[in-house]
Protein backbone atom coordinates (compact mmCIF):
# COMPACT_ATOMS: atom_id res chain seq x y z
CA MET A 1 0.00 0.00 0.00
CA LYS A 2 2.80 2.47 0.83
CA HIS A 3 4.17 2.14 -2.69
CA THR A 4 0.80 3.00 -4.19
CA LEU A 5 0.34 5.93 -1.84
CA LEU A 6 3.69 7.28 -3.00
CA VAL A 7 2.47 7.00 -6.59
CA ILE A 8 -0.67 8.93 -5.70
CA SER A 9 1.42 11.45 -3.81
CA SER A 10 3.55 11.96 -6.91
CA LEU A 11 0.37 12.52 -8.87
CA LEU A 12 -0.73 15.14 -6.36
CA CYS A 13 2.60 16.93 -6.50
CA LEU A 14 2.65 16.90 -10.31
CA ALA A 15 -0.88 18.23 -10.50
CA ALA A 16 -0.12 20.96 -7.99
CA GLU A 17 2.90 22.05 -10.05
CA THR A 18 0.66 22.21 -13.11
CA LEU A 19 -1.83 24.34 -11.23
CA SER A 20 0.79 26.76 -9.98
CA ALA A 21 2.46 27.05 -13.39
CA GLY A 22 -0.61 27.36 -15.59
CA GLN A 23 -3.31 29.30 -13.78
CA PRO A 24 -3.13 32.87 -12.49
CA HIS A 25 -5.54 32.24 -9.63
CA PRO A 26 -5.36 28.57 -8.60
CA VAL A 27 -7.05 29.34 -5.31
CA GLN A 28 -9.58 31.83 -6.62
CA SER A 29 -12.83 31.81 -4.66
CA LYS A 30 -16.12 33.51 -5.46
CA THR A 31 -16.94 33.88 -1.79
CA ILE A 32 -14.11 36.19 -0.69
CA ARG A 33 -13.23 39.81 -1.44
CA PRO A 34 -10.57 40.60 -4.07
CA SER A 35 -8.21 41.97 -1.40
CA VAL A 36 -8.49 38.73 0.57
CA GLN A 37 -8.04 36.78 -2.67
CA ARG A 38 -4.77 38.59 -3.35
CA LYS A 39 -3.58 37.77 0.16
CA LEU A 40 -4.54 34.12 -0.35
CA ASP A 41 -2.73 33.98 -3.71
CA TYR A 42 0.39 35.47 -2.16
CA PHE A 43 0.59 32.87 0.61
CA PHE A 44 -0.37 30.01 -1.70
CA TYR A 45 2.46 30.78 -4.13
CA GLU A 46 4.80 31.25 -1.18
CA GLY A 47 3.85 27.74 -0.04
CA ILE A 48 4.53 26.35 -3.52
CA SER A 49 7.95 28.07 -3.60
CA LEU A 50 8.88 26.68 -0.20
CA LYS A 51 7.79 23.20 -1.21
CA ASN A 52 9.77 23.34 -4.45
CA ALA A 53 12.81 24.45 -2.42
CA GLY A 54 12.46 21.39 -0.21
CA LYS A 55 11.35 23.37 2.85
CA PHE A 56 8.38 21.13 3.52
CA ASP A 57 7.73 22.01 7.15
CA ALA A 58 7.57 25.71 6.31
CA ALA A 59 5.40 25.03 3.25
CA TYR A 60 2.99 23.00 5.37
CA GLU A 61 2.59 25.86 7.85
CA VAL A 62 1.99 28.35 5.02
CA PHE A 63 -0.70 26.15 3.45
CA LYS A 64 -2.37 25.80 6.85
CA HIS A 65 -2.37 29.59 7.03
CA CYS A 66 -4.04 29.67 3.59
CA LEU A 67 -6.90 27.63 5.02
CA GLU A 68 -7.29 30.16 7.81
CA ILE A 69 -7.82 32.77 5.10
CA ASP A 70 -10.23 30.59 3.06
CA SER A 71 -11.18 27.17 4.41
CA THR A 72 -12.73 26.21 1.04
CA SER A 73 -9.60 26.80 -1.08
CA ALA A 74 -9.56 23.64 -3.19
CA ALA A 75 -5.94 23.93 -4.34
CA THR A 76 -4.77 24.45 -0.75
CA LEU A 77 -6.75 21.47 0.46
CA PHE A 78 -5.25 19.46 -2.38
CA GLU A 79 -1.72 20.52 -1.44
CA LEU A 80 -2.26 19.59 2.21
CA SER A 81 -3.62 16.18 1.24
CA SER A 82 -0.28 15.46 -0.45
CA PHE A 83 1.53 16.33 2.79
CA TYR A 84 -0.62 13.85 4.70
CA LEU A 85 0.12 11.15 2.15
CA GLN A 86 3.84 11.79 2.46
CA THR A 87 3.59 11.44 6.24
CA ASP A 88 1.55 8.22 5.97
CA GLN A 89 -1.72 9.74 7.19
CA PRO A 90 -4.10 8.55 4.45
CA GLU A 91 -7.26 9.19 6.48
CA LYS A 92 -6.43 12.89 6.73
CA ALA A 93 -5.52 12.92 3.04
CA VAL A 94 -8.98 11.53 2.24
CA SER A 95 -10.66 14.15 4.42
CA TYR A 96 -8.85 17.02 2.73
CA LEU A 97 -9.35 15.61 -0.77
CA LYS A 98 -13.07 15.26 -0.12
CA LYS A 99 -13.18 18.93 0.81
CA ALA A 100 -11.16 19.83 -2.30
CA VAL A 101 -13.60 17.92 -4.51
CA ALA A 102 -16.56 19.58 -2.77
CA SER A 103 -15.01 23.00 -3.41
CA SER A 104 -14.06 22.22 -7.00
CA PRO A 105 -16.42 19.45 -8.20
CA GLU A 106 -15.34 19.67 -11.84
CA ASN A 107 -11.63 19.12 -11.17
CA PHE A 108 -10.57 15.81 -12.70
CA THR A 109 -7.27 15.49 -10.83
CA TYR A 110 -8.83 15.89 -7.40
CA LYS A 111 -11.48 13.28 -8.13
CA LEU A 112 -8.96 10.82 -9.56
CA ALA A 113 -6.67 11.17 -6.55
CA LEU A 114 -9.61 10.63 -4.19
CA ALA A 115 -10.77 7.53 -6.06
CA SER A 116 -7.23 6.11 -6.00
CA ILE A 117 -6.90 6.61 -2.26
CA PHE A 118 -10.29 4.98 -1.69
CA LEU A 119 -9.05 1.95 -3.62
CA ASN A 120 -5.82 1.70 -1.66
CA LEU A 121 -7.53 2.09 1.70
CA ASP A 122 -9.73 -0.90 0.81
CA MET A 123 -12.77 1.38 0.60
CA PHE A 124 -13.87 -0.49 -2.50
CA GLY A 125 -17.49 0.66 -2.61
CA GLU A 126 -16.48 4.31 -2.44
CA ALA A 127 -13.74 3.71 -5.01
CA ALA A 128 -16.16 2.08 -7.45
CA GLU A 129 -18.63 4.96 -7.10
CA ALA A 130 -15.86 7.53 -7.60
CA TYR A 131 -14.46 5.81 -10.69
CA GLU A 132 -17.94 5.29 -12.14
CA GLU A 133 -18.60 9.01 -11.79
CA LEU A 134 -15.28 9.76 -13.51
CA VAL A 135 -16.10 7.35 -16.36
CA ARG A 136 -19.44 9.07 -16.92
CA ALA A 137 -17.86 12.52 -16.86
CA HIS A 138 -14.85 11.58 -19.03
CA PRO A 139 -15.86 8.83 -21.48
CA GLU A 140 -12.87 9.71 -23.66
CA LYS A 141 -10.46 8.54 -20.92
CA ILE A 142 -10.71 4.83 -21.63
CA GLU A 143 -8.13 3.88 -18.99
CA LEU A 144 -10.59 4.90 -16.24
CA ASN A 145 -12.59 1.79 -17.07
CA TYR A 146 -9.63 -0.36 -15.99
CA TYR A 147 -9.59 1.30 -12.58
CA LEU A 148 -13.34 0.95 -12.25
CA ALA A 149 -13.18 -2.74 -13.12
CA GLU A 150 -10.41 -3.24 -10.55
CA ALA A 151 -12.47 -1.49 -7.86
CA LEU A 152 -15.49 -3.64 -8.72
CA THR A 153 -13.34 -6.77 -8.61
CA ARG A 154 -11.95 -5.94 -5.17
CA LYS A 155 -15.42 -5.00 -4.00
CA GLY A 156 -16.49 -8.52 -4.95
CA ASP A 157 -18.83 -7.50 -7.76
CA MET A 158 -17.31 -9.92 -10.26
CA ASP A 159 -20.20 -9.95 -12.74
CA GLU A 160 -20.18 -6.17 -13.10
CA ALA A 161 -16.38 -6.20 -13.39
CA ILE A 162 -16.61 -8.69 -16.26
CA ARG A 163 -19.23 -6.50 -17.93
CA ARG A 164 -16.83 -3.55 -17.69
CA PHE A 165 -14.02 -5.59 -19.22
CA ASP A 166 -16.38 -6.63 -22.02
CA LEU A 167 -17.14 -2.96 -22.70
CA LEU A 168 -13.42 -2.22 -22.74
CA GLU A 169 -12.87 -5.02 -25.22
CA GLU A 170 -15.52 -3.50 -27.48
CA MET A 171 -13.72 -0.14 -27.32
CA THR A 172 -10.11 -1.30 -27.64
CA GLY A 173 -10.33 -4.71 -29.26
CA MET A 174 -9.37 -8.10 -27.92
CA SER A 175 -6.10 -8.22 -25.96
CA GLU A 176 -4.25 -10.57 -23.65
CA PRO A 177 -4.53 -8.40 -20.47
CA LEU A 178 -8.31 -8.09 -20.82
CA SER A 179 -8.84 -11.77 -21.63
CA MET A 180 -6.63 -12.83 -18.73
CA GLN A 181 -8.54 -10.55 -16.36
CA LYS A 182 -11.81 -12.08 -17.45
CA TYR A 183 -10.31 -15.55 -17.20
CA ARG A 184 -9.34 -14.93 -13.56
CA LEU A 185 -12.75 -13.52 -12.72
CA TYR A 186 -14.56 -16.48 -14.26
CA MET A 187 -12.36 -18.79 -12.23
CA GLU A 188 -13.25 -16.80 -9.08
CA LEU A 189 -16.92 -17.26 -9.98
CA GLU A 190 -16.29 -21.01 -10.43
CA GLN A 191 -17.24 -20.86 -14.09
CA PRO A 192 -14.26 -22.76 -15.57
CA GLU A 193 -15.80 -23.31 -18.99
CA LYS A 194 -16.20 -19.57 -19.55
CA ALA A 195 -12.65 -19.11 -18.26
CA PHE A 196 -11.43 -21.70 -20.78
CA ASP A 197 -13.33 -19.92 -23.56
CA GLU A 198 -11.34 -16.74 -22.92
CA LEU A 199 -8.07 -18.62 -23.32
CA LYS A 200 -9.31 -20.50 -26.35
CA LYS A 201 -10.20 -17.20 -28.01
CA LEU A 202 -6.66 -15.99 -27.39
CA ALA A 203 -5.20 -19.20 -28.80
CA ALA A 204 -7.38 -18.82 -31.91
CA LYS A 205 -6.41 -15.18 -32.38
CA TYR A 206 -2.70 -15.86 -31.90
CA PRO A 207 -2.14 -19.34 -33.44
CA GLY A 208 1.62 -18.81 -33.54
CA ASP A 209 1.88 -18.25 -29.77
CA ALA A 210 2.28 -21.50 -27.85
CA ARG A 211 1.71 -19.89 -24.41
CA TYR A 212 -2.07 -20.02 -24.57
CA LEU A 213 -2.18 -23.69 -25.48
CA ILE A 214 0.24 -24.38 -22.63
CA LEU A 215 -1.91 -22.41 -20.21
CA ILE A 216 -5.02 -24.30 -21.30
CA GLY A 217 -3.07 -27.52 -20.79
CA ASP A 218 -2.06 -26.37 -17.30
CA LEU A 219 -5.72 -25.82 -16.43
CA TYR A 220 -6.61 -29.30 -17.62
CA LEU A 221 -3.71 -30.64 -15.55
CA GLU A 222 -5.05 -28.87 -12.44
CA ARG A 223 -8.34 -30.65 -13.05
CA LYS A 224 -6.46 -33.98 -13.41
CA GLU A 225 -7.54 -34.24 -17.04
CA THR A 226 -4.08 -35.45 -18.01
CA ASP A 227 -4.93 -36.69 -21.52
CA ARG A 228 -6.41 -33.36 -22.58
CA ALA A 229 -3.47 -31.55 -20.95
CA LEU A 230 -0.97 -33.66 -22.92
CA GLU A 231 -2.83 -32.98 -26.15
CA CYS A 232 -2.50 -29.22 -25.58
CA TYR A 233 1.18 -29.53 -24.69
CA GLN A 234 1.90 -31.53 -27.84
CA LYS A 235 0.19 -28.90 -29.99
CA ALA A 236 2.21 -26.20 -28.22
CA SER A 237 5.44 -28.14 -28.81
CA ALA A 238 4.71 -28.31 -32.50
CA ILE A 239 4.54 -24.49 -32.52
CA ASP A 240 7.52 -23.79 -30.22
CA PRO A 241 9.43 -26.91 -29.09
CA GLU A 242 11.95 -24.87 -27.06
CA SER A 243 9.40 -22.87 -25.07
CA PRO A 244 10.46 -22.70 -21.41
CA TYR A 245 6.77 -22.75 -20.46
CA TYR A 246 6.42 -26.06 -22.28
CA THR A 247 9.40 -27.50 -20.42
CA VAL A 248 7.96 -26.69 -16.98
CA SER A 249 4.45 -27.83 -17.91
CA MET A 250 5.72 -31.16 -19.20
CA ALA A 251 7.75 -31.61 -16.01
CA ASN A 252 4.58 -30.96 -13.99
CA TYR A 253 2.68 -33.36 -16.23
CA TYR A 254 5.21 -36.15 -15.61
CA ALA A 255 5.15 -35.44 -11.87
CA THR A 256 1.34 -35.60 -11.86
CA ILE A 257 1.26 -39.03 -13.52
CA GLY A 258 3.95 -40.32 -11.15
CA ARG A 259 6.97 -40.23 -13.46
CA THR A 260 9.27 -38.17 -11.21
CA ASP A 261 12.45 -39.21 -13.04
CA SER A 262 11.01 -37.98 -16.34
CA ALA A 263 10.02 -34.70 -14.72
CA GLU A 264 13.54 -34.14 -13.41
CA ALA A 265 15.05 -35.17 -16.74
CA GLN A 266 12.85 -32.62 -18.54
CA ILE A 267 14.15 -29.76 -16.37
CA HIS A 268 17.75 -31.03 -16.49
CA ALA A 269 17.66 -31.11 -20.29
CA ALA A 270 16.53 -27.49 -20.35
CA LEU A 271 19.27 -26.42 -17.94
CA ILE A 272 22.04 -27.87 -20.09
CA ASN A 273 20.51 -26.58 -23.33
CA GLU A 274 23.10 -24.14 -24.71
CA LYS A 275 20.46 -22.39 -26.83
CA LEU A 276 18.74 -21.04 -23.70
CA ASP A 277 20.29 -18.14 -21.81
CA VAL A 278 20.70 -18.17 -18.04
CA GLU A 279 17.68 -15.91 -17.38
CA ILE A 280 15.35 -18.35 -19.13
CA LYS A 281 16.92 -21.28 -17.29
CA VAL A 282 16.45 -19.55 -13.94
CA GLY A 283 12.82 -18.88 -14.88
CA ILE A 284 12.31 -22.56 -15.74
CA LEU A 285 13.87 -23.66 -12.48
CA SER A 286 11.99 -21.13 -10.34
CA ARG A 287 8.62 -22.20 -11.77
CA TYR A 288 9.50 -25.83 -11.17
CA ILE A 289 10.58 -25.07 -7.60
CA GLN A 290 7.17 -23.54 -6.90
CA ARG A 291 5.71 -26.95 -7.47
CA LEU A 292 8.43 -28.75 -5.50
CA GLN A 293 7.74 -26.57 -2.45
CA GLN A 294 4.67 -28.67 -1.79
CA SER A 295 7.00 -31.41 -0.54
CA SER A 296 10.14 -30.88 1.57
CA ASP A 297 11.56 -34.19 0.35
CA GLU A 298 11.24 -33.21 -3.31
CA MET A 299 12.95 -29.88 -2.62
CA LYS A 300 16.28 -31.74 -2.54
CA ILE A 301 15.89 -32.24 -6.29
CA ALA A 302 16.10 -28.47 -6.71
CA ASN A 303 19.55 -28.38 -5.10
CA VAL A 304 20.89 -30.88 -7.63
CA LEU A 305 19.40 -28.86 -10.49
CA PHE A 306 20.82 -25.62 -9.08
CA ARG A 307 24.28 -27.10 -8.84
CA THR A 308 23.99 -28.13 -12.49
CA LEU A 309 23.19 -24.55 -13.39
CA LEU A 310 25.99 -23.13 -11.20
CA GLU A 311 28.53 -25.38 -12.89
CA GLN A 312 27.52 -23.86 -16.23
CA HIS A 313 27.42 -20.26 -14.98
CA PRO A 314 29.88 -19.97 -12.06
CA GLU A 315 30.18 -16.17 -12.42
CA ASP A 316 26.46 -15.41 -12.35
CA VAL A 317 25.79 -13.40 -9.17
CA GLU A 318 21.99 -13.41 -9.47
CA LEU A 319 22.05 -17.20 -9.68
CA LYS A 320 24.01 -17.40 -6.43
CA LEU A 321 21.52 -15.07 -4.74
CA PHE A 322 18.62 -17.17 -5.95
CA TYR A 323 20.28 -20.37 -4.75
CA GLY A 324 21.13 -18.76 -1.41
CA THR A 325 17.48 -17.77 -0.93
CA LEU A 326 16.42 -21.36 -1.60
CA LEU A 327 18.96 -22.59 0.94
CA VAL A 328 17.59 -20.18 3.56
CA TYR A 329 14.12 -21.59 2.86
CA GLN A 330 15.58 -25.07 3.45
CA LYS A 331 17.27 -23.80 6.65
CA SER A 332 20.72 -24.62 5.22
CA LEU A 333 22.00 -21.34 6.62
CA GLU A 334 25.76 -21.94 6.51
CA GLU A 335 25.64 -22.93 2.84
CA ALA A 336 23.37 -19.94 2.13
CA HIS A 337 25.91 -17.69 3.85
CA PHE A 338 28.63 -19.08 1.59
CA GLN A 339 26.60 -18.24 -1.55
CA PHE A 340 25.76 -14.69 -0.36
CA GLN A 341 29.35 -14.06 0.72
CA LEU A 342 30.58 -15.18 -2.72
CA ALA A 343 28.10 -12.83 -4.36
CA THR A 344 29.36 -9.82 -2.36
CA GLU A 345 32.97 -10.67 -3.19
CA MET A 346 32.21 -11.06 -6.89
CA ALA A 347 30.03 -7.94 -7.11
CA PRO A 348 30.73 -5.61 -4.16
CA ASP A 349 28.45 -2.95 -5.67
CA ASN A 350 25.46 -5.33 -5.70
CA GLU A 351 23.41 -3.94 -2.81
CA ARG A 352 20.90 -6.79 -2.87
CA ALA A 353 23.71 -9.28 -2.18
CA TRP A 354 24.76 -7.30 0.90
CA GLN A 355 21.14 -7.08 2.07
CA GLN A 356 20.75 -10.84 1.80
CA LEU A 357 23.97 -11.33 3.76
CA LEU A 358 22.82 -8.85 6.42
CA ASN A 359 19.39 -10.48 6.76
CA LEU A 360 21.08 -13.84 7.22
CA ALA A 361 23.44 -12.45 9.88
CA PHE A 362 20.45 -11.26 11.94
CA LEU A 363 18.64 -14.56 11.31
CA GLN A 364 21.65 -16.49 12.62
CA GLN A 365 22.03 -14.00 15.50
CA HIS A 366 25.57 -13.24 14.35
CA VAL A 367 25.38 -9.68 15.62
CA GLU A 368 29.10 -8.85 15.29
CA GLU A 369 28.87 -9.98 11.66
CA ALA A 370 25.84 -7.69 11.20
CA VAL A 371 27.91 -4.77 12.52
CA ARG A 372 30.72 -5.57 10.06
CA ILE A 373 28.29 -5.73 7.14
CA CYS A 374 26.53 -2.47 8.07
CA LEU A 375 29.84 -0.62 8.41
CA LYS A 376 30.97 -1.90 5.02
CA CYS A 377 27.64 -0.98 3.41
CA ARG A 378 27.85 2.53 4.81
CA GLU A 379 31.13 2.91 2.91
CA LEU A 380 29.75 1.39 -0.28
CA PHE A 381 26.30 3.04 -0.20
CA PRO A 382 26.74 6.27 1.80
CA GLU A 383 23.27 7.62 0.96
CA ALA A 384 21.44 4.46 2.08
CA THR A 385 19.93 5.20 5.49
CA GLU A 386 18.84 1.64 6.23
CA TYR A 387 22.38 0.61 7.22
CA TYR A 388 22.41 3.25 9.95
CA TYR A 389 19.10 1.84 11.16
CA TYR A 390 20.27 -1.79 11.28
CA LEU A 391 23.69 -0.86 12.66
CA GLY A 392 21.88 0.86 15.54
CA ILE A 393 19.86 -2.30 16.14
CA ALA A 394 23.01 -4.42 16.15
CA TYR A 395 24.80 -2.10 18.58
CA ASN A 396 21.72 -2.15 20.80
CA GLN A 397 21.73 -5.96 20.84
CA LEU A 398 25.38 -5.86 21.84
CA GLN A 399 24.45 -3.39 24.62
CA ARG A 400 26.70 -0.79 23.02
CA TYR A 401 24.01 1.77 23.69
CA GLN A 402 25.96 4.98 23.13
CA ASP A 403 27.30 3.65 19.82
CA ALA A 404 23.70 2.91 18.80
CA ILE A 405 22.53 6.41 19.68
CA ASP A 406 25.48 8.01 17.89
CA THR A 407 24.68 5.92 14.82
CA TYR A 408 21.05 7.03 14.75
CA TYR A 409 22.04 10.70 15.07
CA GLU A 410 24.52 10.24 12.19
CA GLY A 411 21.72 8.74 10.14
CA LEU A 412 19.41 11.64 10.92
CA LYS A 413 21.95 13.98 9.32
CA ILE A 414 21.38 12.39 5.89
CA ILE A 415 17.63 11.70 6.14
CA PRO A 416 15.81 14.55 4.39
CA GLU A 417 13.24 16.49 6.39
CA SER A 418 10.63 15.37 3.85
CA ASN A 419 11.08 11.73 4.90
CA ARG A 420 9.12 12.27 8.08
CA PRO A 421 8.18 8.62 8.79
CA LEU A 422 11.83 7.49 8.70
CA ARG A 423 12.99 10.36 10.89
CA SER A 424 10.22 9.42 13.31
CA ASP A 425 11.45 5.80 13.39
CA PHE A 426 15.02 6.89 14.13
CA TYR A 427 13.92 9.09 17.03
CA GLY A 428 11.77 6.21 18.25
CA GLN A 429 14.81 3.93 18.36
CA ILE A 430 16.74 6.60 20.26
CA GLY A 431 13.90 6.81 22.77
CA ASP A 432 13.90 3.04 23.32
CA ILE A 433 17.65 2.97 23.91
CA ARG A 434 17.61 6.00 26.21
CA TYR A 435 15.07 4.22 28.41
CA GLN A 436 17.24 1.09 28.50
CA MET A 437 20.07 3.37 29.67
CA LYS A 438 17.87 4.51 32.59
CA GLN A 439 17.44 7.96 31.05
CA PRO A 440 13.64 8.34 31.04
CA ASP A 441 13.53 12.11 30.52
CA GLU A 442 15.83 11.88 27.49
CA ALA A 443 13.80 8.92 26.22
CA PHE A 444 10.54 10.84 26.45
CA ALA A 445 12.10 13.84 24.70
CA ALA A 446 13.14 11.55 21.83
CA TYR A 447 9.63 10.09 21.63
CA GLU A 448 8.21 13.61 21.42
CA GLU A 449 10.50 14.29 18.46
CA ALA A 450 9.37 11.03 16.86
CA LEU A 451 5.71 11.99 17.18
CA LYS A 452 6.36 15.46 15.77
CA TYR A 453 7.40 13.75 12.55
CA ASN A 454 4.69 11.08 12.62
CA GLU A 455 1.91 11.37 15.15
CA ARG A 456 0.65 7.91 14.13
CA ASN A 457 3.89 6.02 14.76
CA ILE A 458 2.26 3.12 16.57
CA PRO A 459 5.38 1.42 18.04
CA VAL A 460 6.49 4.77 19.46
CA LEU A 461 3.03 5.47 20.90
CA ASN A 462 3.05 2.04 22.54
CA ASN A 463 6.52 2.24 24.04
CA TYR A 464 6.07 5.82 25.16
CA SER A 465 2.79 5.03 26.92
CA TYR A 466 4.19 1.88 28.55
CA PHE A 467 7.28 3.60 29.88
CA LEU A 468 5.17 6.50 31.16
CA SER A 469 3.13 3.95 33.09
CA LEU A 470 6.30 2.46 34.58
CA GLU A 471 7.37 5.95 35.62
CA LYS A 472 3.81 6.76 36.82
CA LYS A 473 3.87 9.98 34.82
CA ASP A 474 1.27 11.62 32.58
CA LEU A 475 -1.02 8.61 32.86
CA ASP A 476 -3.91 10.26 31.03
CA LYS A 477 -1.57 10.96 28.12
CA ALA A 478 -0.31 7.37 28.30
CA GLU A 479 -3.91 6.11 28.12
CA ARG A 480 -4.68 8.27 25.07
CA MET A 481 -1.57 7.10 23.21
CA SER A 482 -2.15 3.47 24.08
CA ALA A 483 -5.77 3.75 22.91
CA GLN A 484 -4.51 4.85 19.49
CA CYS A 485 -2.45 1.65 19.29
CA ILE A 486 -5.48 -0.49 20.13
CA LYS A 487 -7.54 1.31 17.51
CA ALA A 488 -4.85 0.67 14.89
CA GLU A 489 -4.20 -2.98 15.85
CA PRO A 490 -6.98 -4.27 18.10
CA ASN A 491 -5.60 -7.83 18.25
CA ASN A 492 -1.97 -7.00 19.00
CA ALA A 493 -1.12 -8.71 22.30
CA THR A 494 1.73 -6.34 23.13
CA TYR A 495 -0.42 -3.24 22.66
CA LEU A 496 -3.28 -4.78 24.64
CA ASP A 497 -0.86 -5.56 27.47
CA THR A 498 0.33 -1.94 27.50
CA TYR A 499 -3.26 -0.67 27.63
CA ALA A 500 -4.03 -3.06 30.48
CA TRP A 501 -0.97 -1.95 32.41
CA VAL A 502 -1.79 1.73 32.03
CA PHE A 503 -5.22 1.03 33.52
CA PHE A 504 -3.59 -1.01 36.30
CA VAL A 505 -1.26 1.83 37.28
CA LYS A 506 -4.20 4.25 37.18
CA GLY A 507 -6.10 1.96 39.58
CA ASN A 508 -8.79 0.94 37.08
CA TYR A 509 -8.33 -2.76 37.82
CA MET A 510 -11.46 -4.08 36.13
CA LEU A 511 -10.56 -2.55 32.76
CA ALA A 512 -6.99 -3.76 33.28
CA LYS A 513 -8.33 -7.29 33.72
CA VAL A 514 -10.48 -7.07 30.58
CA TYR A 515 -7.56 -5.97 28.41
CA ILE A 516 -4.91 -8.30 29.86
CA GLU A 517 -7.21 -11.27 29.25
CA ASN A 518 -7.74 -10.05 25.69
CA ALA A 519 -3.97 -9.76 25.34
CA LEU A 520 -3.47 -13.33 26.49
CA ARG A 521 -6.11 -14.60 24.06
CA ASN A 522 -4.16 -12.99 21.23
CA ASP A 523 -0.68 -13.92 22.48
CA THR A 524 1.09 -16.62 20.48
CA THR A 525 4.45 -16.41 22.28
CA ASN A 526 3.56 -17.45 25.85
CA SER A 527 4.99 -14.13 26.97
CA PRO A 528 6.19 -14.29 30.60
CA GLU A 529 5.67 -10.52 30.93
CA LEU A 530 1.96 -10.86 30.09
CA LEU A 531 1.60 -13.72 32.54
CA ASP A 532 3.31 -11.72 35.30
CA HIS A 533 1.07 -8.72 34.63
CA TYR A 534 -1.99 -10.98 34.67
CA GLY A 535 -0.93 -12.35 38.04
CA ASP A 536 -0.58 -8.82 39.46
CA ILE A 537 -4.00 -7.79 38.14
CA LEU A 538 -5.72 -10.95 39.43
CA TYR A 539 -4.16 -10.47 42.85
CA VAL A 540 -5.33 -6.89 43.32
CA THR A 541 -8.84 -7.78 42.09
CA GLY A 542 -9.16 -10.38 44.85
CA GLU A 543 -8.30 -13.58 42.90
CA ARG A 544 -5.12 -14.19 44.84
CA GLU A 545 -4.71 -17.93 44.21
CA LYS A 546 -5.18 -17.44 40.48
CA GLY A 547 -2.70 -14.59 40.60
CA LEU A 548 -0.13 -16.88 42.21
CA GLU A 549 -0.74 -19.45 39.47
CA GLN A 550 0.06 -16.85 36.81
CA TRP A 551 3.26 -15.78 38.59
CA ILE A 552 4.39 -19.41 38.63
CA LYS A 553 3.56 -19.69 34.92
CA ALA A 554 5.57 -16.52 34.24
CA LYS A 555 8.59 -18.06 35.96
CA GLU A 556 8.16 -21.31 34.02
CA ALA A 557 7.94 -19.28 30.79
CA GLY A 558 11.36 -17.76 31.47
CA LYS A 559 10.96 -14.66 33.63
CA ASN A 560 13.61 -14.61 36.32
CA THR A 561 13.62 -11.60 38.67
CA GLN A 562 14.00 -11.23 42.41
CA THR A 563 10.61 -9.56 42.68
CA LEU A 564 8.85 -12.43 40.91
CA GLU A 565 10.63 -14.94 43.18
CA ARG A 566 9.48 -12.97 46.22
CA LYS A 567 5.89 -12.71 44.97
CA ILE A 568 5.75 -16.47 44.58
CA ALA A 569 7.48 -17.20 47.90
CA GLU A 570 5.50 -14.65 49.92
CA LYS A 571 2.27 -15.17 47.95
CA THR A 572 1.68 -11.45 47.76
CA TYR A 573 1.80 -8.65 45.22
CA LEU A 574 4.96 -6.55 45.21
CA GLU A 575 5.66 -3.55 43.03
CA THR A 576 8.53 -4.10 40.59
CA PRO A 577 11.44 -1.76 41.39
CA LYS A 578 12.91 0.37 38.59
CA ASP A 579 16.16 -1.58 38.38
CA GLU A 580 14.17 -4.65 37.30
CA GLN A 581 11.96 -2.88 34.75
């Protein structure tokens, strides 16, 4: 979703530039005096200039001032919606775009942006209505019908989506994308014969393309109609005997009828075929592996086939990365490490190879190795902020807290002000580490900075509220922040535990009990912290024996503190001192 929101945000920015460049009064309103209009224009263009200069915070404040002058200024509302998209606040972006559309109902760009956000927020009914209105207003823009059909599909209105694709086919002619869309929808509707008809029409229109016959054969194979599948494959082979699709389909066919050796031989023959380049061979092997993943025993065949391919192409870095990923899936981590390490040595500028190696280091809990990789990547890719982020995590795991904090502050120097979510995450990490260092005031100051950049940073809101509860400070604020986390992720056990503990510290024990029990229902980790909290809450609500049971369970689950030992031994609730928190 974030990727799509960035696309929409780019659309908003482009449209705003067009407005500012091509119209003398982009914010002109019939409801305000000319002198006020001139004032509005002045500040609006000042906001555009600041934005174009990269001074986004200042631009945001200027656009907010524009709304104080005229709350119905469509262009200003539109500009502000782009800011909320950039800061990952889509709900606010929707609110402002709705107001922009209401103020300027004929503006195509505003309506299109609103429809796109509806679609990406899973508001499929609203998206379908918005696109349908756009289609009626702009019948010449044929591409809008694609978006409408997609909205209808995701809404679950398959029949209407198919009707829209049929209309598109009448306007643009028969094409593979449209036929394949209809094929998928018919399959969703469990109408396989109509789905087959779409593919058969493609095969008839493009008799020289073997792919459609192969795809029809694959569908027959899924239905265990092996004879009809083989007939399609043989026809496809007559058209294109070296098709990689044919190779994989025949391998699947042999596997389906129980001839595993023939299936492997089919793939092996393709891998040693000198007429096929390595990209095609990797494609053949990857599609075959998708089928092998259904059985862990059969996955061993893939390793043999990969080694065959590596012998032919020992210098191919992408092949090593692909093989390493397969080995990780098989939990052969040392061999995967060897492949990723080779890839970084052969192509030190291949960032994906370093990322794979770094991911594996964290997976294997080789934290010193993760530090080495991050430091090297900072040299190789100095503008890549993620290595500062992961280096900070690694230092934190090594309890090198000051090194972690220094790393995050170094990273903040190269993160642009416009990347507000990432800056928020960095300050959030600093806050977490400061609290581990027994520096609560500095931690809370860092959290405040994090929320300035992203007021909806849920992990920060959770940690901030929990640590406030431990410090018994600003408990009303802690409750409000924790409530936002529950609203965002109502089944997150960690956030429910925080909410329960805030209520516990505030003395609202019944609500604490409700939320801790909800947390435990959603917990999949047997968290000793949740069990300990549950024991405390049960004890103070009068269920002392049950509370003791939970404390014992917390100890069995791995919690080992002097306070917990005392609570169990003395069979009484004791407040946890700060040095154990």
